[in-house]
Protein backbone atom coordinates (compact mmCIF):
# COMPACT_ATOMS: atom_id res chain seq x y z
CA MET A 1 0.00 0.00 0.00
CA SER A 2 1.49 3.34 -1.05
CA VAL A 3 1.69 6.22 1.42
CA ASN A 4 1.22 9.85 0.48
CA ARG A 5 4.22 11.55 2.08
CA ARG A 6 3.33 15.14 1.22
CA PRO A 7 1.05 15.70 4.26
CA LEU A 8 3.76 14.20 6.46
CA LEU A 9 6.36 16.55 5.02
CA ARG A 10 4.09 19.55 5.54
CA ALA A 11 3.44 18.49 9.13
CA PHE A 12 7.18 17.99 9.66
CA ALA A 13 7.86 21.50 8.34
CA LEU A 14 5.32 22.95 10.79
CA VAL A 15 6.97 21.13 13.67
CA LEU A 16 10.35 22.53 12.63
CA ALA A 17 8.91 26.03 12.43
CA ALA A 18 7.51 25.58 15.93
CA ALA A 19 10.93 24.44 17.11
CA PHE A 20 12.38 27.71 15.86
CA ALA A 21 9.89 29.62 17.98
CA LEU A 22 11.50 28.01 21.03
CA VAL A 23 14.88 29.51 20.17
CA SER A 24 15.10 32.82 22.01
CA VAL A 25 16.67 35.93 20.52
CA ALA A 26 18.99 35.93 23.53
CA THR A 27 20.28 32.49 22.56
CA LEU A 28 21.14 33.66 19.06
CA ALA A 29 22.67 36.85 20.44
CA LYS A 30 25.21 34.77 22.36
CA THR A 31 26.44 33.24 19.12
CA ARG A 32 29.85 34.48 18.01
CA LYS A 33 29.89 37.20 15.37
CA ARG A 34 32.18 37.15 12.36
CA LYS A 35 32.46 39.48 9.39
CA VAL A 36 32.02 37.78 6.04
CA GLY A 37 32.18 38.86 2.41
CA VAL A 38 28.76 39.37 0.81
CA HIS A 39 28.17 39.88 -2.91
CA ILE A 40 24.59 40.39 -4.09
CA THR A 41 23.87 39.78 -7.78
CA LYS A 42 20.62 40.08 -9.72
CA SER A 43 19.81 36.45 -8.97
CA ASP A 44 21.50 35.40 -5.74
CA ILE A 45 23.44 36.23 -2.59
CA ARG A 46 27.03 34.99 -2.52
CA THR A 47 29.41 34.83 0.40
CA THR A 48 33.14 34.45 0.99
CA PHE A 49 34.76 33.45 4.29
CA SER A 50 36.99 30.88 5.93
CA TYR A 51 35.97 28.43 8.63
CA LYS A 52 39.27 26.54 8.75
CA ASP A 53 39.14 26.68 12.54
CA VAL A 54 36.79 23.69 12.34
CA PHE A 55 39.96 21.67 11.66
CA SER A 56 41.11 21.42 15.26
CA LYS A 57 44.18 19.43 16.31
CA LYS A 58 41.92 16.43 16.94
CA VAL A 59 40.37 16.66 13.47
CA ARG A 60 43.74 17.19 11.76
CA GLU A 61 45.15 14.07 13.41
CA LYS A 62 42.31 12.00 11.97
CA LEU A 63 42.72 13.34 8.43
CA THR A 64 45.62 11.04 7.50
CA SER A 65 44.24 7.93 9.20
CA GLY A 66 42.73 6.54 6.00
CA LEU A 67 39.24 6.72 7.52
CA PRO A 68 36.68 9.24 6.19
CA THR A 69 36.46 12.65 7.84
CA ARG A 70 32.95 14.02 7.27
CA MET A 71 31.80 17.60 7.50
CA LEU A 72 28.37 19.20 7.53
CA VAL A 73 28.15 22.89 6.60
CA GLN A 74 24.85 24.73 7.09
CA VAL A 75 23.97 28.32 6.20
CA ALA A 76 20.73 30.19 6.82
CA LEU A 77 19.75 33.74 5.92
CA GLN A 78 18.08 35.49 8.86
CA SER A 79 15.69 38.40 8.35
CA LYS A 80 16.05 41.17 10.92
CA LYS A 81 12.43 42.15 10.39
CA LYS A 82 11.04 38.64 10.80
CA LYS A 83 13.67 37.61 13.38
CA LYS A 84 13.99 34.16 11.86
CA PRO A 85 15.75 32.29 9.04
CA VAL A 86 14.05 32.58 5.65
CA THR A 87 16.42 30.52 3.46
CA TYR A 88 18.59 27.46 4.00
CA TRP A 89 21.68 26.06 2.23
CA ALA A 90 23.85 23.07 3.05
CA ARG A 91 27.00 21.32 1.94
CA THR A 92 28.41 17.93 2.88
CA ILE A 93 32.11 17.19 2.58
CA GLU A 94 34.03 13.93 2.87
CA LEU A 95 37.81 13.79 3.05
CA VAL A 96 39.66 10.48 2.71
CA TYR A 97 43.43 10.04 2.72
CA ASP A 98 44.47 7.47 0.09
CA LEU A 99 47.25 5.54 1.80
CA TRP A 100 48.43 4.05 -1.52
CA GLU A 101 48.48 7.25 -3.58
CA GLU A 102 49.40 9.39 -0.57
CA ASP A 103 46.90 12.10 -1.39
CA PHE A 104 43.45 13.28 -0.29
CA VAL A 105 40.21 12.50 -2.10
CA ILE A 106 37.66 15.21 -1.31
CA THR A 107 33.98 14.85 -2.21
CA VAL A 108 31.82 17.96 -1.95
CA GLU A 109 28.04 17.93 -2.43
CA ASP A 110 25.68 20.91 -2.42
CA ASN A 111 22.92 22.36 -4.61
CA ARG A 112 25.39 22.56 -7.51
CA GLY A 113 25.85 18.79 -7.47
CA ARG A 114 28.61 16.42 -6.39
CA ARG A 115 32.26 17.18 -7.14
CA ARG A 116 35.42 15.22 -6.40
CA THR A 117 38.98 16.46 -6.32
CA ARG A 118 42.40 15.19 -5.23
CA VAL A 119 45.11 17.18 -3.45
CA LYS A 120 48.49 16.20 -2.03
CA THR A 121 48.84 17.94 1.33
CA THR A 122 46.83 18.45 4.49
CA ASP A 123 46.92 22.23 4.05
CA GLU A 124 45.53 21.91 0.51
CA ALA A 125 42.73 19.65 1.79
CA ILE A 126 41.82 22.19 4.48
CA ASN A 127 41.82 24.99 1.91
CA VAL A 128 39.32 23.05 -0.21
CA ALA A 129 37.05 21.99 2.66
CA GLY A 130 37.29 25.03 4.95
CA LEU A 131 36.46 27.91 2.65
CA LEU A 132 33.42 29.37 0.90
CA TRP A 133 34.44 31.52 -2.08
CA ARG A 134 31.71 33.62 -3.69
CA THR A 135 29.39 30.71 -2.98
CA PRO A 136 25.68 31.22 -3.81
CA ILE A 137 23.80 30.52 -0.59
CA ALA A 138 20.39 32.10 -1.30
CA GLY A 139 18.29 33.29 -4.19
CA VAL A 140 17.20 36.94 -4.27
CA LYS A 141 13.79 36.23 -5.79
CA GLY A 142 11.09 36.26 -3.13
CA LEU A 143 13.17 38.08 -0.50
CA GLU A 144 11.62 41.19 0.97
CA PRO A 145 13.80 44.34 0.98
CA GLY A 146 15.49 44.76 4.33
CA LEU A 147 18.39 43.76 6.55
CA TYR A 148 19.68 40.20 6.66
CA ARG A 149 22.56 38.29 8.17
CA ILE A 150 24.07 34.84 7.72
CA GLN A 151 23.81 32.18 10.40
CA PHE A 152 26.49 29.51 10.02
CA VAL A 153 27.29 26.12 11.55
CA ALA A 154 30.05 23.72 10.49
CA GLU A 155 30.58 20.35 12.18
CA ALA A 156 33.51 17.99 11.72
CA ASN A 157 32.38 14.37 12.12
CA PRO A 158 28.88 15.40 13.25
CA VAL A 159 27.04 13.30 15.81
CA SER A 160 23.71 13.46 13.96
CA LYS A 161 24.32 11.08 11.05
CA GLU A 162 20.58 11.02 10.38
CA MET A 163 20.57 14.77 9.70
CA VAL A 164 23.52 14.39 7.31
CA GLU A 165 21.72 11.65 5.37
CA ASN A 166 18.49 13.68 5.23
CA ILE A 167 20.40 16.65 3.84
CA ARG A 168 22.14 14.45 1.27
CA ARG A 169 18.79 13.14 0.08
CA TRP A 170 17.52 16.72 -0.15
CA LEU A 171 20.59 17.80 -2.12
CA SER A 172 19.95 15.03 -4.63
CA ARG A 173 16.56 16.60 -5.48
CA PRO A 174 16.45 18.97 -8.48
CA SER A 175 15.40 21.91 -6.28
CA GLY A 176 17.82 21.16 -3.47
CA GLY A 177 19.36 24.25 -1.92
CA HIS A 178 17.22 27.00 -3.42
CA GLY A 179 13.63 28.00 -4.05
CA SER A 180 10.44 28.11 -2.02
CA GLU A 181 10.66 24.43 -1.11
CA ALA A 182 14.05 25.03 0.50
CA ARG A 183 12.69 27.96 2.47
CA SER A 184 9.50 26.27 3.64
CA ASN A 185 10.58 22.72 4.36
CA PHE A 186 14.26 22.53 5.18
CA PHE A 187 15.53 25.59 7.04
CA GLY A 188 14.24 23.92 10.18
CA SER A 189 17.11 21.46 10.04
CA PHE A 190 19.51 24.37 10.50
CA VAL A 191 17.42 25.83 13.32
CA GLY A 192 17.37 22.43 14.95
CA SER A 193 21.15 22.50 15.18
CA PHE A 194 20.87 25.41 17.63
CA VAL A 195 18.63 23.49 20.00
CA ASP A 196 19.88 19.95 19.32
CA ARG A 197 21.30 18.55 22.55
CA ASN A 198 24.12 17.00 20.51
CA ILE A 199 25.45 20.37 19.34
CA GLY A 200 29.10 20.70 20.24
CA LYS A 201 29.56 16.94 20.58
CA ALA A 202 31.03 16.62 17.10
CA ASP A 203 34.82 16.48 16.96
CA LYS A 204 34.66 20.24 16.36
CA THR A 205 31.82 22.72 15.82
CA VAL A 206 32.13 26.28 14.53
CA SER A 207 29.09 28.55 14.60
CA PHE A 208 28.62 32.27 14.14
CA VAL A 209 26.41 35.00 12.74
CA SER A 210 27.60 37.60 10.23
CA GLN A 211 27.19 41.35 10.12
CA TRP A 212 23.81 42.71 8.95
CA PHE A 213 23.64 43.66 5.28
CA GLU A 214 20.94 45.20 3.11
CA VAL A 215 18.99 43.48 0.36
CA LYS A 216 17.18 45.97 -1.84
CA GLY A 217 14.01 45.34 -3.78
CA ARG A 218 14.28 43.79 -7.25
């Protein structure tokens, strides 16, 4: 017997939205602030910044073990007027040191698809996995004019493997990462990371909010 999953997804989205309501402004205010590069085009909002500090000594030591090092990167765009996230973007990263070839195989997956690259050194691997460079993280269409800021969380070897798999399944969808479906159904996963009792139990977690910046009407 087939099951219609759409009502379940809608109900799940409502639960996630309710979860956000439990996150106080004071809680978000305690989050570290970091200035990031923001470039707004006619179609999207792009950002540039480093989060290489997610590669702690513990994480670096694991990189050359031959076992996978997994990372979950989550970005939300918060509206100052609405006091909540209105878009959501995610990226998963897997780094594996090839003991035979003595290099790193890095697999990156986001709304632009899955990409694989090889680099020789640990520093090169960290440069690939710990940097966003003019990366589109939100579409401009549908955003109200006003002030916004970026909320960011990166986890090295995250505890919540279920969340990582859910995000990977979402990224495999044609609309993954952008559009109204992303805003309505999936930003709750990011919000959940602020209230998840497992936050901080990954090998290393980096979280911050950016400066406020203006998005003008289109």
